[in-house]
Each structure stands twice: as C-alpha cells, then as structure tokens.
N, C-alpha and C. Protein backbone atom coordinates (compact mmCIF):
# COMPACT_ATOMS: atom_id res chain seq x y z
N MET A 1 0.69 -1.19 0.04
CA MET A 1 -0.18 0.15 0.11
C MET A 1 1.13 1.07 -0.18
N ARG A 2 0.25 2.44 -0.56
CA ARG A 2 1.05 3.53 -0.45
C ARG A 2 0.13 4.49 -0.49
N PRO A 3 0.47 5.84 0.41
CA PRO A 3 -0.38 6.96 0.29
C PRO A 3 -1.00 7.59 -0.82
N ALA A 4 -2.14 7.94 -0.53
CA ALA A 4 -2.49 8.73 -2.03
C ALA A 4 -2.98 9.99 -1.26
N GLY A 5 -2.94 10.16 -0.23
CA GLY A 5 -3.82 11.75 0.36
C GLY A 5 -4.20 11.57 1.79
N LEU A 6 -4.86 12.78 2.11
CA LEU A 6 -5.45 12.85 3.45
C LEU A 6 -6.81 13.52 2.98
N LEU A 7 -7.86 12.75 3.86
CA LEU A 7 -9.07 13.45 4.04
C LEU A 7 -9.28 14.12 5.35
N PRO A 8 -10.20 15.32 5.16
CA PRO A 8 -10.09 16.22 6.56
C PRO A 8 -10.99 15.20 7.46
N GLY A 9 -11.02 15.21 8.82
CA GLY A 9 -11.84 14.25 9.53
C GLY A 9 -13.35 15.26 10.05
N THR A 10 -13.66 15.94 9.13
CA THR A 10 -14.87 16.59 9.32
C THR A 10 -16.21 15.75 9.19
N GLY A 11 -16.05 15.04 8.00
CA GLY A 11 -17.36 14.25 7.56
C GLY A 11 -18.09 15.02 6.98
N ASP A 12 -17.77 16.10 6.47
CA ASP A 12 -18.68 17.13 6.16
C ASP A 12 -19.23 16.95 4.67
N ARG A 13 -18.53 15.93 3.95
CA ARG A 13 -18.89 15.53 2.19
C ARG A 13 -19.17 14.25 2.36
N ALA A 14 -20.11 14.02 1.57
CA ALA A 14 -20.46 12.35 1.44
C ALA A 14 -19.55 11.70 0.43
N ALA A 15 -18.92 12.42 -0.46
CA ALA A 15 -18.19 12.02 -1.48
C ALA A 15 -16.81 12.57 -1.60
N ARG A 16 -15.84 11.87 -1.94
CA ARG A 16 -14.30 12.55 -2.37
C ARG A 16 -14.18 11.84 -3.80
N VAL A 17 -13.20 12.67 -4.54
CA VAL A 17 -12.68 12.19 -5.84
C VAL A 17 -11.19 11.92 -5.82
N LEU A 18 -11.07 10.72 -6.14
CA LEU A 18 -9.55 10.48 -6.21
C LEU A 18 -8.96 11.00 -7.56
N ASP A 19 -8.11 12.00 -7.27
CA ASP A 19 -7.73 12.72 -8.74
C ASP A 19 -6.12 12.86 -8.71
N ALA A 20 -5.80 11.45 -9.09
CA ALA A 20 -4.37 11.20 -9.63
C ALA A 20 -4.05 9.57 -10.18
N PRO A 21 -2.89 9.70 -10.89
CA PRO A 21 -2.65 8.45 -11.77
C PRO A 21 -2.98 7.05 -10.72
N LEU A 22 -3.71 6.24 -11.52
CA LEU A 22 -3.72 5.09 -10.47
C LEU A 22 -2.44 3.74 -10.88
N GLY A 23 -1.85 4.00 -11.77
CA GLY A 23 -0.69 3.41 -11.76
C GLY A 23 -1.41 1.66 -12.05
N ASP A 24 -0.51 0.97 -11.05
CA ASP A 24 -0.77 -0.29 -11.09
C ASP A 24 -1.67 -1.08 -10.06
N ALA A 25 -2.38 0.42 -9.57
CA ALA A 25 -3.19 -0.01 -8.28
C ALA A 25 -4.45 -0.86 -8.57
N VAL A 26 -4.65 -1.85 -7.74
CA VAL A 26 -5.90 -2.67 -7.88
C VAL A 26 -7.12 -2.38 -7.21
N ALA A 27 -6.93 -1.36 -5.95
CA ALA A 27 -7.86 -1.02 -4.95
C ALA A 27 -7.34 0.20 -4.34
N VAL A 28 -8.48 0.79 -3.62
CA VAL A 28 -8.37 1.92 -2.83
C VAL A 28 -8.78 1.48 -1.44
N GLY A 29 -7.98 2.04 -0.59
CA GLY A 29 -8.32 1.46 0.85
C GLY A 29 -8.39 3.00 1.50
N ILE A 30 -9.13 2.95 2.58
CA ILE A 30 -9.46 3.81 3.70
C ILE A 30 -8.70 3.36 5.22
N THR A 31 -7.78 4.28 5.81
CA THR A 31 -7.45 4.12 7.26
C THR A 31 -7.63 5.01 7.86
N VAL A 32 -7.42 5.19 9.19
CA VAL A 32 -7.48 6.20 9.94
C VAL A 32 -6.05 6.32 10.62
N GLU A 33 -5.65 7.62 10.35
CA GLU A 33 -3.94 8.00 10.75
C GLU A 33 -4.08 8.96 11.57
N PRO A 34 -2.80 9.21 12.00
CA PRO A 34 -2.32 10.35 13.07
C PRO A 34 -2.43 11.73 12.17
N ALA A 35 -2.78 12.87 12.69
CA ALA A 35 -2.88 14.35 11.78
C ALA A 35 -1.30 14.50 11.07
N GLY A 36 -1.70 14.59 10.17
CA GLY A 36 -0.40 14.63 9.09
C GLY A 36 -0.44 13.51 8.34
N GLY A 37 -0.76 12.48 8.48
CA GLY A 37 -0.55 11.35 7.82
C GLY A 37 0.48 10.39 8.12
N SER A 38 0.84 9.59 7.44
CA SER A 38 2.12 8.29 7.86
C SER A 38 2.39 7.81 6.56
N ALA A 39 3.84 7.34 6.53
CA ALA A 39 4.35 6.43 5.28
C ALA A 39 3.71 5.35 4.94
N GLN A 40 2.96 4.69 6.06
CA GLN A 40 2.22 3.37 6.03
C GLN A 40 1.00 3.51 6.88
N PRO A 41 0.17 2.58 6.12
CA PRO A 41 -1.22 2.53 7.02
C PRO A 41 -0.67 2.16 8.47
N THR A 42 -1.22 2.71 9.41
CA THR A 42 -0.94 2.34 10.83
C THR A 42 -2.31 1.72 11.50
N THR A 43 -3.20 1.22 10.75
CA THR A 43 -4.86 0.79 11.08
C THR A 43 -5.09 -0.33 10.21
N GLU A 44 -5.89 -1.02 10.59
CA GLU A 44 -6.59 -1.95 9.32
C GLU A 44 -7.60 -1.17 8.69
N PRO A 45 -7.81 -1.26 7.23
CA PRO A 45 -8.56 -0.44 6.43
C PRO A 45 -10.18 -0.33 7.03
N LEU A 46 -10.72 0.45 6.91
CA LEU A 46 -11.96 0.81 7.29
C LEU A 46 -12.63 0.21 6.01
N GLY A 47 -12.38 0.16 4.84
CA GLY A 47 -12.80 -0.25 3.46
C GLY A 47 -11.85 -0.34 2.50
N ILE A 48 -12.32 -1.17 1.69
CA ILE A 48 -11.12 -1.15 0.57
C ILE A 48 -12.30 -1.67 -0.71
N ILE A 49 -11.46 -0.60 -1.79
CA ILE A 49 -12.77 -0.59 -3.14
C ILE A 49 -11.93 -1.07 -3.98
N PRO A 50 -12.15 -2.20 -5.03
CA PRO A 50 -11.45 -2.64 -6.02
C PRO A 50 -11.59 -1.94 -7.11
N ILE A 51 -10.63 -1.52 -7.85
CA ILE A 51 -10.88 -0.95 -9.00
C ILE A 51 -10.90 -1.88 -10.18
N ASP A 52 -11.66 -1.68 -10.80
CA ASP A 52 -11.81 -2.29 -12.17
C ASP A 52 -11.21 -1.62 -13.53
N ALA A 53 -10.11 -1.74 -13.96
CA ALA A 53 -9.32 -1.04 -14.91
C ALA A 53 -10.12 -1.34 -16.40
C-alpha cells in the first residue's frame, strides 16, 4: 500500500474524488491515521474498494 492523500476528519462531505494516476493499483483503501498522515497504514483499512481497470 502507498498513501494517496489525506481527507479532513470533519465528515462534512459524502463523496471525494481521487484525482491522481492510479498506476498499477488494484484497490483503494481508507484508514484512520495520525494528523499529517504516515508513510504506511497504521490501522486496518475501514474499507477497500476494488478498481476495475
């Protein structure tokens, strides 16, 4: 896994757009991380969404 960005913890939006090249990614996952992010996930994913290229 590799980081793709941070989402604000406000929960004020129901949807987000991942606007970056996906490369060879096969899924997108969401984890809870410390403020500022981390180099690798520090928690189990809350969800994993498969990417169908």
